[in-house]
Each structure stands twice: as C-alpha cells, then as structure tokens.
N, C-alpha and C. Protein backbone atom coordinates (compact mmCIF):
# COMPACT_ATOMS: atom_id res chain seq x y z
N MET A 1 77.29 -19.55 -38.85
CA MET A 1 77.78 -19.23 -38.87
C MET A 1 79.09 -19.17 -39.37
N GLN A 2 80.57 -18.22 -39.00
CA GLN A 2 80.46 -17.59 -39.85
C GLN A 2 82.51 -17.58 -39.92
N ASN A 3 83.59 -18.30 -40.27
CA ASN A 3 84.62 -18.24 -40.28
C ASN A 3 85.43 -17.25 -40.58
N VAL A 4 86.19 -16.75 -40.45
CA VAL A 4 87.42 -15.82 -41.81
C VAL A 4 88.70 -16.16 -40.94
N LYS A 5 89.73 -16.70 -41.65
CA LYS A 5 90.72 -16.15 -40.73
C LYS A 5 92.08 -16.14 -41.79
N LEU A 6 93.36 -15.37 -41.77
CA LEU A 6 93.90 -14.35 -43.02
C LEU A 6 95.29 -15.75 -43.04
N SER A 7 95.00 -15.70 -44.00
CA SER A 7 96.38 -17.44 -44.23
C SER A 7 97.71 -16.80 -44.62
N SER A 8 97.84 -16.08 -45.67
CA SER A 8 98.98 -14.76 -45.94
C SER A 8 99.02 -12.94 -46.31
N LEU A 9 99.65 -13.09 -46.73
CA LEU A 9 99.86 -11.38 -46.64
C LEU A 9 100.96 -11.00 -46.98
N ASP A 10 100.93 -10.43 -48.68
CA ASP A 10 102.16 -10.39 -49.04
C ASP A 10 102.55 -8.62 -49.73
N PHE A 11 103.50 -8.57 -48.73
CA PHE A 11 103.90 -7.12 -49.08
C PHE A 11 105.34 -6.66 -50.06
N SER A 12 105.24 -7.83 -50.58
CA SER A 12 107.21 -7.84 -52.05
C SER A 12 106.42 -6.46 -52.74
N LYS A 13 105.71 -6.11 -53.03
CA LYS A 13 105.75 -5.08 -54.08
C LYS A 13 104.89 -4.11 -53.15
N THR A 14 104.73 -3.59 -51.87
CA THR A 14 103.99 -2.83 -51.14
C THR A 14 105.27 -1.23 -51.49
N THR A 15 104.77 -0.77 -51.19
CA THR A 15 105.47 0.63 -51.24
C THR A 15 104.76 1.77 -50.10
N VAL A 16 105.65 2.00 -49.11
CA VAL A 16 105.05 2.80 -47.98
C VAL A 16 104.99 4.69 -47.95
N LYS A 17 104.46 5.17 -47.93
CA LYS A 17 104.14 6.46 -46.94
C LYS A 17 104.17 6.95 -46.10
N LEU A 18 104.88 7.78 -46.00
CA LEU A 18 104.36 8.60 -44.55
C LEU A 18 104.27 9.88 -44.69
N ASP A 19 102.83 10.59 -44.06
CA ASP A 19 103.05 11.93 -45.12
C ASP A 19 103.10 12.81 -43.12
N PHE A 20 103.75 14.32 -43.00
CA PHE A 20 103.64 14.18 -41.71
C PHE A 20 102.97 16.14 -42.14
N ASN A 21 101.71 15.97 -41.55
CA ASN A 21 101.16 17.19 -41.68
C ASN A 21 101.34 18.40 -40.65
N ALA A 22 102.17 18.66 -40.46
CA ALA A 22 102.92 19.42 -39.40
C ALA A 22 103.45 21.04 -39.71
N PRO A 23 103.18 22.22 -38.97
CA PRO A 23 104.02 23.21 -39.10
C PRO A 23 105.10 23.11 -39.23
N ASN A 24 105.92 22.60 -37.87
CA ASN A 24 107.67 22.66 -37.37
C ASN A 24 108.07 21.39 -37.14
N ASN A 25 107.92 21.23 -35.92
CA ASN A 25 108.43 20.45 -35.40
C ASN A 25 107.72 19.16 -34.60
N ILE A 26 107.49 17.80 -35.65
CA ILE A 26 106.52 17.44 -34.57
C ILE A 26 105.97 17.10 -33.23
N PHE A 27 107.05 16.83 -32.61
CA PHE A 27 107.06 16.95 -31.02
C PHE A 27 106.74 18.43 -30.93
N GLU A 28 106.90 19.65 -31.04
CA GLU A 28 106.57 20.69 -30.40
C GLU A 28 105.53 21.25 -30.61
N GLU A 29 104.94 20.25 -31.48
CA GLU A 29 103.71 20.80 -32.29
C GLU A 29 102.47 19.41 -31.68
N CYS A 30 102.25 19.03 -30.40
CA CYS A 30 100.96 18.20 -31.04
C CYS A 30 99.80 18.63 -30.22
N SER A 31 99.97 19.94 -30.14
CA SER A 31 99.39 20.11 -29.15
C SER A 31 98.57 20.91 -30.47
N ASN A 32 98.68 21.20 -31.30
CA ASN A 32 98.27 22.09 -32.72
C ASN A 32 96.80 21.66 -33.30
N LYS A 33 96.03 21.56 -33.03
CA LYS A 33 94.96 20.79 -34.19
C LYS A 33 95.28 20.38 -34.96
N ASP A 34 96.02 21.24 -36.14
CA ASP A 34 96.65 21.28 -37.48
C ASP A 34 97.68 20.14 -37.74
N VAL A 35 97.62 18.63 -37.10
CA VAL A 35 99.20 18.12 -37.26
C VAL A 35 98.68 16.79 -36.90
N THR A 36 99.21 16.36 -38.33
CA THR A 36 97.76 14.64 -39.00
C THR A 36 99.23 14.42 -39.18
N ILE A 37 99.50 12.52 -39.41
CA ILE A 37 100.45 12.11 -39.72
C ILE A 37 99.76 11.10 -40.90
N THR A 38 99.97 10.89 -41.88
CA THR A 38 99.10 9.67 -43.08
C THR A 38 100.30 8.74 -43.10
N PHE A 39 99.51 7.33 -43.28
CA PHE A 39 100.52 6.25 -43.20
C PHE A 39 99.99 5.52 -44.59
N THR A 40 100.39 5.70 -45.61
CA THR A 40 100.02 4.60 -46.92
C THR A 40 100.92 3.77 -47.35
N PHE A 41 99.82 2.41 -46.90
CA PHE A 41 100.35 0.98 -47.66
C PHE A 41 99.90 1.36 -48.90
N THR A 42 100.65 0.56 -49.79
CA THR A 42 99.91 0.99 -51.77
C THR A 42 100.14 -0.81 -52.13
N ASN A 43 99.48 -1.21 -52.66
CA ASN A 43 100.20 -2.73 -53.67
C ASN A 43 100.51 -3.64 -52.43
N PHE A 44 99.21 -4.09 -51.68
CA PHE A 44 99.87 -4.92 -50.92
C PHE A 44 98.67 -6.40 -51.27
N SER A 45 98.85 -7.55 -51.11
CA SER A 45 97.82 -9.04 -51.47
C SER A 45 97.92 -9.67 -50.01
N LEU A 46 96.73 -10.35 -49.54
CA LEU A 46 96.78 -10.79 -49.10
C LEU A 46 94.88 -11.65 -48.81
N ASP A 47 95.56 -13.29 -48.57
CA ASP A 47 94.88 -15.05 -49.12
C ASP A 47 93.66 -14.23 -47.98
N LEU A 48 92.46 -15.44 -48.09
CA LEU A 48 91.51 -14.90 -46.83
C LEU A 48 91.20 -16.20 -46.80
N GLN A 49 91.25 -17.15 -45.84
CA GLN A 49 90.27 -18.48 -46.16
C GLN A 49 89.17 -18.45 -45.70
N PHE A 50 88.01 -19.01 -45.54
CA PHE A 50 86.69 -18.91 -44.77
C PHE A 50 85.51 -20.48 -44.88
N ASP A 51 84.93 -20.28 -43.81
CA ASP A 51 84.66 -21.84 -44.18
C ASP A 51 83.12 -21.52 -42.53
N HIS A 52 81.65 -21.52 -43.49
CA HIS A 52 80.70 -21.10 -42.69
C HIS A 52 79.76 -22.58 -42.91
N TRP A 53 79.26 -21.93 -42.16
CA TRP A 53 77.50 -22.90 -41.77
C TRP A 53 75.87 -22.13 -41.75
N PHE A 54 75.50 -22.57 -42.20
CA PHE A 54 74.06 -21.56 -41.92
C PHE A 54 73.04 -22.58 -42.44
N GLU A 55 71.90 -22.46 -41.71
CA GLU A 55 70.78 -23.02 -41.20
C GLU A 55 69.62 -22.31 -40.94
N VAL A 56 68.41 -22.43 -41.30
CA VAL A 56 67.03 -21.82 -41.36
C VAL A 56 65.63 -23.16 -41.43
N ALA A 57 65.43 -22.99 -40.26
CA ALA A 57 64.16 -23.14 -39.50
C ALA A 57 62.54 -22.59 -39.78
N SER A 58 62.44 -23.21 -40.91
CA SER A 58 60.75 -22.68 -41.65
C SER A 58 59.77 -24.05 -41.93
N SER A 59 58.85 -24.29 -42.20
CA SER A 59 58.66 -25.06 -42.85
C SER A 59 59.12 -26.95 -42.86
N SER A 60 60.69 -26.60 -42.80
CA SER A 60 61.42 -27.35 -43.05
C SER A 60 63.27 -26.46 -43.16
N ILE A 61 63.64 -27.52 -42.71
CA ILE A 61 64.88 -26.47 -41.62
C ILE A 61 66.02 -26.67 -43.50
N GLU A 62 66.02 -25.49 -43.82
CA GLU A 62 67.44 -25.69 -45.04
C GLU A 62 68.79 -25.51 -43.82
N SER A 63 69.42 -26.34 -45.01
CA SER A 63 71.25 -25.83 -44.15
C SER A 63 72.18 -25.78 -45.44
N GLU A 64 73.55 -25.17 -45.00
CA GLU A 64 73.51 -24.47 -46.73
C GLU A 64 75.27 -24.43 -45.48
N SER A 65 76.78 -25.32 -46.29
CA SER A 65 77.50 -25.37 -45.54
C SER A 65 78.53 -24.80 -46.77
N GLY A 66 79.83 -24.15 -46.57
CA GLY A 66 81.09 -23.53 -47.56
C GLY A 66 82.24 -24.04 -47.06
N VAL A 67 83.28 -23.76 -47.92
CA VAL A 67 84.63 -23.80 -47.48
C VAL A 67 85.32 -23.47 -48.76
N GLY A 68 86.37 -22.66 -48.87
CA GLY A 68 87.00 -21.04 -49.65
C GLY A 68 87.46 -20.76 -49.35
N THR A 69 88.70 -19.68 -50.00
CA THR A 69 89.25 -18.55 -50.60
C THR A 69 89.28 -17.88 -51.36
N PHE A 70 89.61 -16.82 -50.48
CA PHE A 70 89.81 -15.15 -51.37
C PHE A 70 90.95 -14.55 -51.30
N SER A 71 91.64 -13.67 -52.89
CA SER A 71 93.06 -13.18 -52.75
C SER A 71 91.64 -12.03 -52.62
N ILE A 72 92.74 -10.27 -52.18
CA ILE A 72 92.36 -9.22 -52.43
C ILE A 72 93.90 -9.25 -52.74
N LYS A 73 94.28 -8.37 -54.32
CA LYS A 73 94.89 -8.13 -54.71
C LYS A 73 95.45 -6.77 -55.04
N GLU A 74 96.49 -6.19 -54.88
CA GLU A 74 97.08 -4.91 -55.15
C GLU A 74 95.31 -3.33 -54.08
N ALA A 75 96.09 -4.09 -53.77
CA ALA A 75 95.66 -3.14 -52.00
C ALA A 75 96.05 -2.09 -51.46
N THR A 76 94.73 -0.77 -50.93
CA THR A 76 95.61 -0.09 -50.58
C THR A 76 95.08 0.53 -48.99
N LEU A 77 95.88 0.64 -47.89
CA LEU A 77 95.52 1.52 -47.07
C LEU A 77 96.09 2.71 -46.83
N LYS A 78 95.16 3.03 -45.78
CA LYS A 78 96.00 4.58 -45.21
C LYS A 78 95.05 4.84 -44.24
N VAL A 79 96.22 5.04 -43.65
CA VAL A 79 95.75 6.03 -41.82
C VAL A 79 96.18 7.18 -41.50
N GLU A 80 95.46 8.03 -40.97
CA GLU A 80 95.58 9.24 -40.51
C GLU A 80 95.26 9.37 -39.42
N PHE A 81 96.31 9.98 -37.92
CA PHE A 81 96.29 9.40 -36.79
C PHE A 81 96.63 11.08 -36.54
N LYS A 82 96.66 11.38 -35.80
CA LYS A 82 96.72 12.49 -34.66
C LYS A 82 97.25 12.60 -33.39
N PRO A 83 98.18 12.56 -34.08
CA PRO A 83 99.62 12.88 -32.12
C PRO A 83 98.82 13.88 -31.24
N TYR A 84 99.17 12.71 -29.75
CA TYR A 84 98.69 13.65 -28.67
C TYR A 84 99.86 13.75 -27.73
N LEU A 85 100.53 14.42 -26.95
CA LEU A 85 101.24 13.71 -25.81
C LEU A 85 100.67 13.20 -24.62
N ASN A 86 100.54 12.84 -24.11
CA ASN A 86 99.46 12.14 -22.96
C ASN A 86 100.62 11.11 -21.85
N ALA A 87 100.82 12.05 -20.26
CA ALA A 87 102.09 11.29 -19.13
C ALA A 87 103.11 11.15 -20.15
N ASP A 88 103.48 12.52 -20.61
CA ASP A 88 105.26 12.54 -21.19
C ASP A 88 105.19 12.01 -22.35
N ARG A 89 104.60 11.43 -22.74
CA ARG A 89 104.51 10.41 -23.41
C ARG A 89 103.41 10.55 -25.22
N LEU A 90 104.05 10.84 -26.12
CA LEU A 90 103.84 10.82 -27.27
C LEU A 90 102.90 9.66 -28.01
N ARG A 91 101.46 10.33 -28.24
CA ARG A 91 100.25 8.83 -28.70
C ARG A 91 99.87 9.45 -30.13
N MET A 92 99.01 8.38 -30.63
CA MET A 92 98.02 8.71 -31.85
C MET A 92 96.75 8.34 -31.89
N ALA A 93 96.32 8.74 -31.65
CA ALA A 93 94.60 8.19 -32.27
C ALA A 93 94.21 8.42 -33.50
N ILE A 94 93.51 7.54 -34.21
CA ILE A 94 93.61 6.73 -35.44
C ILE A 94 92.30 7.95 -35.50
N ILE A 95 92.29 9.29 -36.71
CA ILE A 95 91.11 9.97 -37.21
C ILE A 95 90.77 9.38 -38.16
N LYS A 96 90.88 9.16 -39.21
CA LYS A 96 90.80 8.21 -40.83
C LYS A 96 91.39 7.17 -41.29
N PHE A 97 90.04 5.95 -41.15
CA PHE A 97 90.42 4.96 -42.30
C PHE A 97 90.11 4.21 -43.38
N ASP A 98 91.00 4.24 -44.50
CA ASP A 98 90.58 4.24 -45.35
C ASP A 98 91.00 2.40 -46.64
N PHE A 99 90.59 1.62 -46.80
CA PHE A 99 91.19 0.03 -46.85
C PHE A 99 89.99 0.65 -48.27
N ASP A 100 90.85 -0.08 -49.45
CA ASP A 100 90.31 -0.01 -51.17
C ASP A 100 91.04 -1.36 -51.64
N PHE A 101 90.63 -1.52 -52.32
CA PHE A 101 90.94 -3.39 -53.23
C PHE A 101 89.92 -3.14 -54.60
C-alpha cells in the first residue's frame, strides 16, 4: 500500500508562457488541424508526503513501512492543446503533456 499527498505548491518564481500556433484568429480557425495552444509553466516547486507499507509472504513474512517527504524543485510543465468547437463552445483536447524536473 502506498499513499502520496501533495503538501505544497510554490509558484512564486514561476514564469508562464502561452503560445498560439494559429494562422489568423484562433476562434475562426479551430477546424484547422494546424492550430495548437501550448502552456508552459517553468520554475515551480512542489512538496509531496508519502507513507507506505509493504508485506511479502514467502517462507517468512517480511514487512516494511516508511513515512517521509520529498521535494521537486524548478520543475517545468508543458501542455499542448488542440482547440475544437463542440456545441458552439470552444473545447481543448490535450495532445502532449511533458513534466520535467
């Protein structure tokens, strides 16, 4: 069994970049396959807490447990979307998702 919880997010030094890859107006060109929108969040940090318990049954029962935290510093999240129209509303489908740290 393992349990991981997000304990904090730090966006104080984060930069956000928004790129439109559209020939003209994004709302007029949503049916165009070349239109994409990319959100990039750079230099954010998060802290995670975990606890786990592990038991193996063999000739004897072995168990292990632990509690701790770990931090991910200066992470980058990049999400690429494809906009489309559905029921007269602008929707976004995720095409690509990258998380680097």
